[in-house]
Protein backbone atom coordinates (compact mmCIF):
# COMPACT_ATOMS: atom_id res chain seq x y z
CA UNK A 1 -11.53 -31.32 -25.03
CA UNK A 2 -8.81 -29.70 -22.93
CA UNK A 3 -11.47 -28.04 -20.78
CA UNK A 4 -13.21 -31.37 -20.19
CA UNK A 5 -10.00 -33.11 -19.11
CA UNK A 6 -9.11 -30.20 -16.83
CA UNK A 7 -12.57 -30.41 -15.25
CA UNK A 8 -12.22 -34.14 -14.63
CA UNK A 9 -8.92 -33.55 -12.80
CA UNK A 10 -10.36 -30.90 -10.45
CA UNK A 11 -11.94 -31.05 -7.01
CA UNK A 12 -14.32 -28.19 -7.84
CA UNK A 13 -15.55 -27.00 -11.24
CA UNK A 14 -16.98 -23.51 -11.74
CA UNK A 15 -19.10 -23.03 -14.84
CA UNK A 16 -19.97 -19.49 -15.82
CA UNK A 17 -22.74 -18.94 -18.36
CA UNK A 18 -24.15 -22.47 -18.04
CA UNK A 19 -26.92 -21.69 -20.51
CA UNK A 20 -24.34 -20.91 -23.20
CA UNK A 21 -22.58 -24.25 -22.58
CA UNK A 22 -25.92 -26.10 -22.53
CA UNK A 23 -27.19 -24.45 -25.72
CA UNK A 24 -24.01 -25.31 -27.65
CA UNK A 25 -24.33 -29.06 -27.02
CA UNK A 26 -27.01 -30.09 -24.49
CA UNK A 27 -26.26 -33.84 -24.48
CA UNK A 28 -22.50 -33.39 -24.05
CA UNK A 29 -22.99 -30.74 -21.35
CA UNK A 30 -25.36 -32.94 -19.33
CA UNK A 31 -23.02 -35.91 -19.80
CA UNK A 32 -20.12 -33.85 -18.45
CA UNK A 33 -22.16 -32.77 -15.43
CA UNK A 34 -23.17 -36.39 -14.77
CA UNK A 35 -19.55 -37.54 -15.01
CA UNK A 36 -18.40 -34.80 -12.65
CA UNK A 37 -21.11 -35.79 -10.20
CA UNK A 38 -20.17 -39.49 -10.46
CA UNK A 39 -16.57 -38.58 -9.62
CA UNK A 40 -17.76 -36.53 -6.62
CA UNK A 41 -16.43 -33.32 -8.15
CA UNK A 42 -18.22 -30.30 -6.75
CA UNK A 43 -19.99 -28.23 -9.40
CA UNK A 44 -20.69 -24.52 -9.07
CA UNK A 45 -22.55 -23.14 -12.07
CA UNK A 46 -24.36 -19.97 -13.04
CA UNK A 47 -27.42 -19.97 -15.28
CA UNK A 48 -29.84 -17.31 -16.44
CA UNK A 49 -32.45 -20.07 -16.31
CA UNK A 50 -31.58 -23.60 -15.18
CA UNK A 51 -32.36 -26.03 -18.03
CA UNK A 52 -34.94 -28.70 -17.20
CA UNK A 53 -32.46 -31.49 -18.02
CA UNK A 54 -30.09 -30.12 -15.37
CA UNK A 55 -32.85 -29.72 -12.77
CA UNK A 56 -34.00 -33.32 -13.33
CA UNK A 57 -30.56 -34.74 -12.57
CA UNK A 58 -29.19 -32.55 -9.80
CA UNK A 59 -30.21 -31.13 -6.50
CA UNK A 60 -29.32 -27.51 -6.74
CA UNK A 61 -29.15 -24.41 -4.60
CA UNK A 62 -30.32 -21.20 -6.20
CA UNK A 63 -28.90 -17.85 -5.15
CA UNK A 64 -30.59 -14.89 -6.71
CA UNK A 65 -28.60 -11.82 -7.59
CA UNK A 66 -30.91 -9.26 -6.03
CA UNK A 67 -29.15 -6.42 -7.83
CA UNK A 68 -30.51 -7.84 -11.08
CA UNK A 69 -34.12 -7.98 -9.84
C-alpha cells in the first residue's frame, strides 16, 4: 500500500519487472496503471513480455535491449 501511495504522489513512476507485478495481482496492477494514467503521471515500465491487458489500455513505446537478442 505504501508503494501505491508513493506512486500516486509522483510525477513519474518507474516499474521494473512489470511482469512480476502483473502476475502477482493482474487486476490491481492494471487498476494502478489506469489511475496513474488518469492523473497524468508518466509511467516507465519494463516487461519481458507486455501483458495483453496492458497493451489494450496504453499506447506504449518498446525499446529492445539488443544485448539480450
